[in-house]
Amino acid sequence: MSDPNAHDRKDPEALALSALGWILSDPDRAERLLTLTGLTPQVLRDGLGSRDVQAAVLEFLANHEPDLVLAADALNVTPQDLVAAHEGLIR
């Protein structure tokens, strides 16, 4: 039987938003996201639909392999799926 969420996991925007939810579930990781990306909570809220903000979230993960692997596992995708989603958002 096919996975009904498989399409969403391949959609770069949906994957970025899922990844952001995963990041924000851990206060230390969330703080590191803000510090390293320069994003603010307000910019995140206002920019949820922005491909630039979504790309920044995925770039944050891509630049830190331990989080990339953990996020991929939690989201039931591969690390390569997250990297590909990032690349899809910056094109």
PDB file of N, CA and C in Angstrom:
ATOM      1  N   MET A   1       0.849  -1.180   0.000  1.00  0.00           N
ATOM      2  CA  MET A   1       0.000   0.000   0.000  1.00  0.00           C
ATOM      3  C   MET A   1       0.891   1.238   0.000  1.00  0.00           C
ATOM      4  N   SER A   2       0.539   2.255  -0.803  1.00  0.00           N
ATOM      5  CA  SER A   2       1.357   3.456  -0.875  1.00  0.00           C
ATOM      6  C   SER A   2       1.080   4.354   0.326  1.00  0.00           C
ATOM      7  N   ASP A   3       2.074   5.157   0.647  1.00  0.00           N
ATOM      8  CA  ASP A   3       2.001   6.076   1.768  1.00  0.00           C
ATOM      9  C   ASP A   3       1.277   7.347   1.308  1.00  0.00           C
ATOM     10  N   PRO A   4       0.149   7.725   1.924  1.00  0.00           N
ATOM     11  CA  PRO A   4      -0.589   8.905   1.476  1.00  0.00           C
ATOM     12  C   PRO A   4       0.174  10.203   1.681  1.00  0.00           C
ATOM     13  N   ASN A   5       1.192  10.207   2.538  1.00  0.00           N
ATOM     14  CA  ASN A   5       1.978  11.414   2.783  1.00  0.00           C
ATOM     15  C   ASN A   5       3.236  11.473   1.940  1.00  0.00           C
ATOM     16  N   ALA A   6       3.466  10.489   1.084  1.00  0.00           N
ATOM     17  CA  ALA A   6       4.700  10.439   0.298  1.00  0.00           C
ATOM     18  C   ALA A   6       4.838  11.675  -0.573  1.00  0.00           C
ATOM     19  N   HIS A   7       3.756  12.135  -1.174  1.00  0.00           N
ATOM     20  CA  HIS A   7       3.840  13.311  -2.032  1.00  0.00           C
ATOM     21  C   HIS A   7       4.282  14.538  -1.222  1.00  0.00           C
ATOM     22  N   ASP A   8       3.701  14.731  -0.033  1.00  0.00           N
ATOM     23  CA  ASP A   8       4.046  15.875   0.798  1.00  0.00           C
ATOM     24  C   ASP A   8       5.511  15.868   1.199  1.00  0.00           C
ATOM     25  N   ARG A   9       6.042  14.682   1.413  1.00  0.00           N
ATOM     26  CA  ARG A   9       7.444  14.601   1.832  1.00  0.00           C
ATOM     27  C   ARG A   9       8.379  15.001   0.708  1.00  0.00           C
ATOM     28  N   LYS A  10       7.935  14.937  -0.534  1.00  0.00           N
ATOM     29  CA  LYS A  10       8.771  15.322  -1.655  1.00  0.00           C
ATOM     30  C   LYS A  10       8.542  16.777  -2.056  1.00  0.00           C
ATOM     31  N   ASP A  11       7.490  17.412  -1.551  1.00  0.00           N
ATOM     32  CA  ASP A  11       7.211  18.807  -1.852  1.00  0.00           C
ATOM     33  C   ASP A  11       8.143  19.678  -1.013  1.00  0.00           C
ATOM     34  N   PRO A  12       9.015  20.473  -1.658  1.00  0.00           N
ATOM     35  CA  PRO A  12      10.002  21.245  -0.894  1.00  0.00           C
ATOM     36  C   PRO A  12       9.397  22.163   0.157  1.00  0.00           C
ATOM     37  N   GLU A  13       8.301  22.834  -0.183  1.00  0.00           N
ATOM     38  CA  GLU A  13       7.702  23.768   0.767  1.00  0.00           C
ATOM     39  C   GLU A  13       7.101  23.040   1.965  1.00  0.00           C
ATOM     40  N   ALA A  14       6.390  21.952   1.699  1.00  0.00           N
ATOM     41  CA  ALA A  14       5.799  21.179   2.791  1.00  0.00           C
ATOM     42  C   ALA A  14       6.889  20.568   3.671  1.00  0.00           C
ATOM     43  N   LEU A  15       7.948  20.096   3.046  1.00  0.00           N
ATOM     44  CA  LEU A  15       9.042  19.492   3.799  1.00  0.00           C
ATOM     45  C   LEU A  15       9.745  20.540   4.663  1.00  0.00           C
ATOM     46  N   ALA A  16       9.928  21.736   4.114  1.00  0.00           N
ATOM     47  CA  ALA A  16      10.562  22.811   4.888  1.00  0.00           C
ATOM     48  C   ALA A  16       9.719  23.172   6.104  1.00  0.00           C
ATOM     49  N   LEU A  17       8.409  23.237   5.931  1.00  0.00           N
ATOM     50  CA  LEU A  17       7.544  23.572   7.060  1.00  0.00           C
ATOM     51  C   LEU A  17       7.537  22.464   8.103  1.00  0.00           C
ATOM     52  N   SER A  18       7.564  21.224   7.655  1.00  0.00           N
ATOM     53  CA  SER A  18       7.660  20.105   8.596  1.00  0.00           C
ATOM     54  C   SER A  18       8.982  20.147   9.345  1.00  0.00           C
ATOM     55  N   ALA A  19      10.045  20.457   8.617  1.00  0.00           N
ATOM     56  CA  ALA A  19      11.369  20.553   9.239  1.00  0.00           C
ATOM     57  C   ALA A  19      11.401  21.680  10.262  1.00  0.00           C
ATOM     58  N   LEU A  20      10.774  22.797   9.936  1.00  0.00           N
ATOM     59  CA  LEU A  20      10.720  23.910  10.885  1.00  0.00           C
ATOM     60  C   LEU A  20       9.983  23.493  12.158  1.00  0.00           C
ATOM     61  N   GLY A  21       8.885  22.797  12.007  1.00  0.00           N
ATOM     62  CA  GLY A  21       8.174  22.300  13.184  1.00  0.00           C
ATOM     63  C   GLY A  21       9.047  21.406  14.035  1.00  0.00           C
ATOM     64  N   TRP A  22       9.818  20.540  13.376  1.00  0.00           N
ATOM     65  CA  TRP A  22      10.722  19.654  14.107  1.00  0.00           C
ATOM     66  C   TRP A  22      11.784  20.469  14.830  1.00  0.00           C
ATOM     67  N   ILE A  23      12.370  21.448  14.154  1.00  0.00           N
ATOM     68  CA  ILE A  23      13.410  22.290  14.768  1.00  0.00           C
ATOM     69  C   ILE A  23      12.848  23.010  15.992  1.00  0.00           C
ATOM     70  N   LEU A  24      11.669  23.581  15.846  1.00  0.00           N
ATOM     71  CA  LEU A  24      11.093  24.388  16.930  1.00  0.00           C
ATOM     72  C   LEU A  24      10.636  23.554  18.116  1.00  0.00           C
ATOM     73  N   SER A  25      10.566  22.248  17.947  1.00  0.00           N
ATOM     74  CA  SER A  25      10.164  21.390  19.061  1.00  0.00           C
ATOM     75  C   SER A  25      11.257  21.255  20.113  1.00  0.00           C
ATOM     76  N   ASP A  26      12.463  21.697  19.794  1.00  0.00           N
ATOM     77  CA  ASP A  26      13.577  21.641  20.740  1.00  0.00           C
ATOM     78  C   ASP A  26      14.086  23.068  20.961  1.00  0.00           C
ATOM     79  N   PRO A  27      13.941  23.620  22.167  1.00  0.00           N
ATOM     80  CA  PRO A  27      14.322  25.012  22.407  1.00  0.00           C
ATOM     81  C   PRO A  27      15.782  25.332  22.064  1.00  0.00           C
ATOM     82  N   ASP A  28      16.704  24.444  22.376  1.00  0.00           N
ATOM     83  CA  ASP A  28      18.106  24.708  22.066  1.00  0.00           C
ATOM     84  C   ASP A  28      18.343  24.749  20.563  1.00  0.00           C
ATOM     85  N   ARG A  29      17.729  23.822  19.853  1.00  0.00           N
ATOM     86  CA  ARG A  29      17.874  23.782  18.397  1.00  0.00           C
ATOM     87  C   ARG A  29      17.211  25.019  17.778  1.00  0.00           C
ATOM     88  N   ALA A  30      16.050  25.403  18.301  1.00  0.00           N
ATOM     89  CA  ALA A  30      15.353  26.590  17.806  1.00  0.00           C
ATOM     90  C   ALA A  30      16.212  27.839  18.003  1.00  0.00           C
ATOM     91  N   GLU A  31      16.828  27.947  19.150  1.00  0.00           N
ATOM     92  CA  GLU A  31      17.696  29.097  19.430  1.00  0.00           C
ATOM     93  C   GLU A  31      18.887  29.114  18.473  1.00  0.00           C
ATOM     94  N   ARG A  32      19.439  27.942  18.212  1.00  0.00           N
ATOM     95  CA  ARG A  32      20.574  27.840  17.282  1.00  0.00           C
ATOM     96  C   ARG A  32      20.147  28.240  15.869  1.00  0.00           C
ATOM     97  N   LEU A  33      18.933  27.859  15.457  1.00  0.00           N
ATOM     98  CA  LEU A  33      18.404  28.272  14.156  1.00  0.00           C
ATOM     99  C   LEU A  33      18.376  29.794  14.059  1.00  0.00           C
ATOM    100  N   LEU A  34      17.823  30.436  15.061  1.00  0.00           N
ATOM    101  CA  LEU A  34      17.723  31.894  15.051  1.00  0.00           C
ATOM    102  C   LEU A  34      19.097  32.542  15.040  1.00  0.00           C
ATOM    103  N   THR A  35      19.995  32.024  15.855  1.00  0.00           N
ATOM    104  CA  THR A  35      21.338  32.599  15.949  1.00  0.00           C
ATOM    105  C   THR A  35      22.105  32.454  14.644  1.00  0.00           C
ATOM    106  N   LEU A  36      22.084  31.261  14.069  1.00  0.00           N
ATOM    107  CA  LEU A  36      22.900  30.999  12.882  1.00  0.00           C
ATOM    108  C   LEU A  36      22.310  31.559  11.600  1.00  0.00           C
ATOM    109  N   THR A  37      20.993  31.667  11.524  1.00  0.00           N
ATOM    110  CA  THR A  37      20.381  32.165  10.293  1.00  0.00           C
ATOM    111  C   THR A  37      20.111  33.660  10.329  1.00  0.00           C
ATOM    112  N   GLY A  38      20.079  34.234  11.534  1.00  0.00           N
ATOM    113  CA  GLY A  38      19.736  35.643  11.656  1.00  0.00           C
ATOM    114  C   GLY A  38      18.235  35.897  11.585  1.00  0.00           C
ATOM    115  N   LEU A  39      17.458  34.825  11.471  1.00  0.00           N
ATOM    116  CA  LEU A  39      16.005  34.963  11.468  1.00  0.00           C
ATOM    117  C   LEU A  39      15.521  35.315  12.867  1.00  0.00           C
ATOM    118  N   THR A  40      14.396  35.963  12.928  1.00  0.00           N
ATOM    119  CA  THR A  40      13.765  36.279  14.210  1.00  0.00           C
ATOM    120  C   THR A  40      12.443  35.515  14.280  1.00  0.00           C
ATOM    121  N   PRO A  41      11.881  35.369  15.471  1.00  0.00           N
ATOM    122  CA  PRO A  41      10.579  34.714  15.558  1.00  0.00           C
ATOM    123  C   PRO A  41       9.533  35.400  14.664  1.00  0.00           C
ATOM    124  N   GLN A  42       9.559  36.726  14.607  1.00  0.00           N
ATOM    125  CA  GLN A  42       8.595  37.460  13.777  1.00  0.00           C
ATOM    126  C   GLN A  42       8.804  37.157  12.295  1.00  0.00           C
ATOM    127  N   VAL A  43      10.053  37.129  11.849  1.00  0.00           N
ATOM    128  CA  VAL A  43      10.343  36.826  10.446  1.00  0.00           C
ATOM    129  C   VAL A  43       9.886  35.403  10.119  1.00  0.00           C
ATOM    130  N   LEU A  44      10.115  34.473  11.042  1.00  0.00           N
ATOM    131  CA  LEU A  44       9.644  33.102  10.824  1.00  0.00           C
ATOM    132  C   LEU A  44       8.120  33.069  10.668  1.00  0.00           C
ATOM    133  N   ARG A  45       7.418  33.728  11.580  1.00  0.00           N
ATOM    134  CA  ARG A  45       5.945  33.734  11.525  1.00  0.00           C
ATOM    135  C   ARG A  45       5.463  34.374  10.222  1.00  0.00           C
ATOM    136  N   ASP A  46       6.021  35.529   9.908  1.00  0.00           N
ATOM    137  CA  ASP A  46       5.573  36.259   8.721  1.00  0.00           C
ATOM    138  C   ASP A  46       6.026  35.594   7.422  1.00  0.00           C
ATOM    139  N   GLY A  47       7.105  34.817   7.491  1.00  0.00           N
ATOM    140  CA  GLY A  47       7.691  34.257   6.284  1.00  0.00           C
ATOM    141  C   GLY A  47       7.445  32.781   6.062  1.00  0.00           C
ATOM    142  N   LEU A  48       6.466  32.213   6.740  1.00  0.00           N
ATOM    143  CA  LEU A  48       6.216  30.778   6.576  1.00  0.00           C
ATOM    144  C   LEU A  48       5.979  30.391   5.122  1.00  0.00           C
ATOM    145  N   GLY A  49       5.405  31.273   4.349  1.00  0.00           N
ATOM    146  CA  GLY A  49       5.140  30.991   2.946  1.00  0.00           C
ATOM    147  C   GLY A  49       6.253  31.427   2.015  1.00  0.00           C
ATOM    148  N   SER A  50       7.293  32.007   2.566  1.00  0.00           N
ATOM    149  CA  SER A  50       8.409  32.512   1.767  1.00  0.00           C
ATOM    150  C   SER A  50       9.411  31.401   1.462  1.00  0.00           C
ATOM    151  N   ARG A  51       9.708  31.238   0.182  1.00  0.00           N
ATOM    152  CA  ARG A  51      10.695  30.225  -0.208  1.00  0.00           C
ATOM    153  C   ARG A  51      12.068  30.548   0.375  1.00  0.00           C
ATOM    154  N   ASP A  52      12.386  31.827   0.563  1.00  0.00           N
ATOM    155  CA  ASP A  52      13.675  32.207   1.152  1.00  0.00           C
ATOM    156  C   ASP A  52      13.774  31.730   2.599  1.00  0.00           C
ATOM    157  N   VAL A  53      12.719  31.922   3.359  1.00  0.00           N
ATOM    158  CA  VAL A  53      12.704  31.477   4.761  1.00  0.00           C
ATOM    159  C   VAL A  53      12.733  29.956   4.814  1.00  0.00           C
ATOM    160  N   GLN A  54      11.943  29.315   3.972  1.00  0.00           N
ATOM    161  CA  GLN A  54      11.926  27.851   3.933  1.00  0.00           C
ATOM    162  C   GLN A  54      13.298  27.310   3.560  1.00  0.00           C
ATOM    163  N   ALA A  55      13.953  27.943   2.595  1.00  0.00           N
ATOM    164  CA  ALA A  55      15.295  27.505   2.188  1.00  0.00           C
ATOM    165  C   ALA A  55      16.287  27.688   3.331  1.00  0.00           C
ATOM    166  N   ALA A  56      16.154  28.774   4.090  1.00  0.00           N
ATOM    167  CA  ALA A  56      17.058  29.007   5.222  1.00  0.00           C
ATOM    168  C   ALA A  56      16.909  27.913   6.276  1.00  0.00           C
ATOM    169  N   VAL A  57      15.686  27.467   6.488  1.00  0.00           N
ATOM    170  CA  VAL A  57      15.437  26.387   7.459  1.00  0.00           C
ATOM    171  C   VAL A  57      16.136  25.114   7.009  1.00  0.00           C
ATOM    172  N   LEU A  58      15.983  24.761   5.744  1.00  0.00           N
ATOM    173  CA  LEU A  58      16.605  23.529   5.249  1.00  0.00           C
ATOM    174  C   LEU A  58      18.122  23.663   5.151  1.00  0.00           C
ATOM    175  N   GLU A  59      18.601  24.869   4.847  1.00  0.00           N
ATOM    176  CA  GLU A  59      20.055  25.076   4.817  1.00  0.00           C
ATOM    177  C   GLU A  59      20.643  24.905   6.213  1.00  0.00           C
ATOM    178  N   PHE A  60      19.927  25.385   7.218  1.00  0.00           N
ATOM    179  CA  PHE A  60      20.345  25.198   8.606  1.00  0.00           C
ATOM    180  C   PHE A  60      20.563  23.719   8.903  1.00  0.00           C
ATOM    181  N   LEU A  61      19.634  22.882   8.475  1.00  0.00           N
ATOM    182  CA  LEU A  61      19.778  21.440   8.699  1.00  0.00           C
ATOM    183  C   LEU A  61      20.915  20.861   7.868  1.00  0.00           C
ATOM    184  N   ALA A  62      21.001  21.269   6.615  1.00  0.00           N
ATOM    185  CA  ALA A  62      22.024  20.729   5.721  1.00  0.00           C
ATOM    186  C   ALA A  62      23.431  21.046   6.213  1.00  0.00           C
ATOM    187  N   ASN A  63      23.565  22.134   6.941  1.00  0.00           N
ATOM    188  CA  ASN A  63      24.883  22.547   7.425  1.00  0.00           C
ATOM    189  C   ASN A  63      25.286  21.892   8.743  1.00  0.00           C
ATOM    190  N   HIS A  64      24.406  21.074   9.302  1.00  0.00           N
ATOM    191  CA  HIS A  64      24.715  20.401  10.572  1.00  0.00           C
ATOM    192  C   HIS A  64      24.231  18.954  10.462  1.00  0.00           C
ATOM    193  N   GLU A  65      25.125  18.091  10.041  1.00  0.00           N
ATOM    194  CA  GLU A  65      24.749  16.709   9.725  1.00  0.00           C
ATOM    195  C   GLU A  65      24.003  15.987  10.836  1.00  0.00           C
ATOM    196  N   PRO A  66      24.394  16.127  12.112  1.00  0.00           N
ATOM    197  CA  PRO A  66      23.626  15.412  13.151  1.00  0.00           C
ATOM    198  C   PRO A  66      22.145  15.796  13.145  1.00  0.00           C
ATOM    199  N   ASP A  67      21.850  17.094  13.013  1.00  0.00           N
ATOM    200  CA  ASP A  67      20.449  17.517  12.962  1.00  0.00           C
ATOM    201  C   ASP A  67      19.793  17.080  11.658  1.00  0.00           C
ATOM    202  N   LEU A  68      20.535  17.113  10.574  1.00  0.00           N
ATOM    203  CA  LEU A  68      19.998  16.678   9.280  1.00  0.00           C
ATOM    204  C   LEU A  68      19.520  15.234   9.362  1.00  0.00           C
ATOM    205  N   VAL A  69      20.345  14.384   9.943  1.00  0.00           N
ATOM    206  CA  VAL A  69      20.009  12.962  10.059  1.00  0.00           C
ATOM    207  C   VAL A  69      18.828  12.764  11.014  1.00  0.00           C
ATOM    208  N   LEU A  70      18.840  13.461  12.140  1.00  0.00           N
ATOM    209  CA  LEU A  70      17.737  13.340  13.103  1.00  0.00           C
ATOM    210  C   LEU A  70      16.419  13.847  12.522  1.00  0.00           C
ATOM    211  N   ALA A  71      16.484  14.965  11.818  1.00  0.00           N
ATOM    212  CA  ALA A  71      15.275  15.520  11.212  1.00  0.00           C
ATOM    213  C   ALA A  71      14.728  14.574  10.150  1.00  0.00           C
ATOM    214  N   ALA A  72      15.609  14.054   9.322  1.00  0.00           N
ATOM    215  CA  ALA A  72      15.172  13.129   8.277  1.00  0.00           C
ATOM    216  C   ALA A  72      14.472  11.926   8.896  1.00  0.00           C
ATOM    217  N   ASP A  73      15.055  11.387   9.949  1.00  0.00           N
ATOM    218  CA  ASP A  73      14.446  10.238  10.620  1.00  0.00           C
ATOM    219  C   ASP A  73      13.073  10.603  11.189  1.00  0.00           C
ATOM    220  N   ALA A  74      12.995  11.744  11.851  1.00  0.00           N
ATOM    221  CA  ALA A  74      11.734  12.169  12.464  1.00  0.00           C
ATOM    222  C   ALA A  74      10.657  12.439  11.416  1.00  0.00           C
ATOM    223  N   LEU A  75      11.065  12.909  10.251  1.00  0.00           N
ATOM    224  CA  LEU A  75      10.108  13.257   9.196  1.00  0.00           C
ATOM    225  C   LEU A  75       9.877  12.113   8.218  1.00  0.00           C
ATOM    226  N   ASN A  76      10.556  10.990   8.467  1.00  0.00           N
ATOM    227  CA  ASN A  76      10.408   9.797   7.633  1.00  0.00           C
ATOM    228  C   ASN A  76      10.813  10.053   6.179  1.00  0.00           C
ATOM    229  N   VAL A  77      11.917  10.775   6.020  1.00  0.00           N
ATOM    230  CA  VAL A  77      12.513  11.026   4.711  1.00  0.00           C
ATOM    231  C   VAL A  77      14.004  10.734   4.825  1.00  0.00           C
ATOM    232  N   THR A  78      14.721  10.845   3.736  1.00  0.00           N
ATOM    233  CA  THR A  78      16.170  10.687   3.793  1.00  0.00           C
ATOM    234  C   THR A  78      16.821  12.057   3.926  1.00  0.00           C
ATOM    235  N   PRO A  79      18.049  12.096   4.437  1.00  0.00           N
ATOM    236  CA  PRO A  79      18.772  13.369   4.444  1.00  0.00           C
ATOM    237  C   PRO A  79      18.870  13.967   3.036  1.00  0.00           C
ATOM    238  N   GLN A  80      19.011  13.101   2.041  1.00  0.00           N
ATOM    239  CA  GLN A  80      19.097  13.574   0.660  1.00  0.00           C
ATOM    240  C   GLN A  80      17.795  14.254   0.231  1.00  0.00           C
ATOM    241  N   ASP A  81      16.653  13.787   0.742  1.00  0.00           N
ATOM    242  CA  ASP A  81      15.374  14.440   0.445  1.00  0.00           C
ATOM    243  C   ASP A  81      15.364  15.876   0.969  1.00  0.00           C
ATOM    244  N   LEU A  82      15.902  16.074   2.163  1.00  0.00           N
ATOM    245  CA  LEU A  82      15.952  17.416   2.742  1.00  0.00           C
ATOM    246  C   LEU A  82      16.887  18.313   1.956  1.00  0.00           C
ATOM    247  N   VAL A  83      18.030  17.796   1.562  1.00  0.00           N
ATOM    248  CA  VAL A  83      18.986  18.582   0.763  1.00  0.00           C
ATOM    249  C   VAL A  83      18.384  18.916  -0.598  1.00  0.00           C
ATOM    250  N   ALA A  84      17.719  17.937  -1.213  1.00  0.00           N
ATOM    251  CA  ALA A  84      17.077  18.176  -2.510  1.00  0.00           C
ATOM    252  C   ALA A  84      15.969  19.221  -2.386  1.00  0.00           C
ATOM    253  N   ALA A  85      15.232  19.193  -1.292  1.00  0.00           N
ATOM    254  CA  ALA A  85      14.183  20.186  -1.069  1.00  0.00           C
ATOM    255  C   ALA A  85      14.803  21.580  -0.963  1.00  0.00           C
ATOM    256  N   HIS A  86      15.924  21.678  -0.271  1.00  0.00           N
ATOM    257  CA  HIS A  86      16.622  22.960  -0.175  1.00  0.00           C
ATOM    258  C   HIS A  86      17.013  23.453  -1.558  1.00  0.00           C
ATOM    259  N   GLU A  87      17.597  22.561  -2.335  1.00  0.00           N
ATOM    260  CA  GLU A  87      18.024  22.941  -3.693  1.00  0.00           C
ATOM    261  C   GLU A  87      16.818  23.350  -4.543  1.00  0.00           C
ATOM    262  N   GLY A  88      15.695  22.673  -4.353  1.00  0.00           N
ATOM    263  CA  GLY A  88      14.493  23.030  -5.098  1.00  0.00           C
ATOM    264  C   GLY A  88      13.954  24.389  -4.732  1.00  0.00           C
ATOM    265  N   LEU A  89      14.161  24.807  -3.494  1.00  0.00           N
ATOM    266  CA  LEU A  89      13.673  26.107  -3.052  1.00  0.00           C
ATOM    267  C   LEU A  89      14.557  27.263  -3.493  1.00  0.00           C
ATOM    268  N   ILE A  90      15.821  27.001  -3.726  1.00  0.00           N
ATOM    269  CA  ILE A  90      16.715  28.109  -4.107  1.00  0.00           C
ATOM    270  C   ILE A  90      16.805  28.289  -5.618  1.00  0.00           C
ATOM    271  N   ARG A  91      16.174  27.424  -6.387  1.00  0.00           N
ATOM    272  CA  ARG A  91      16.183  27.576  -7.850  1.00  0.00           C
ATOM    273  C   ARG A  91      15.231  28.627  -8.301  1.00  0.00           C
TER     274      ARG A  91
END
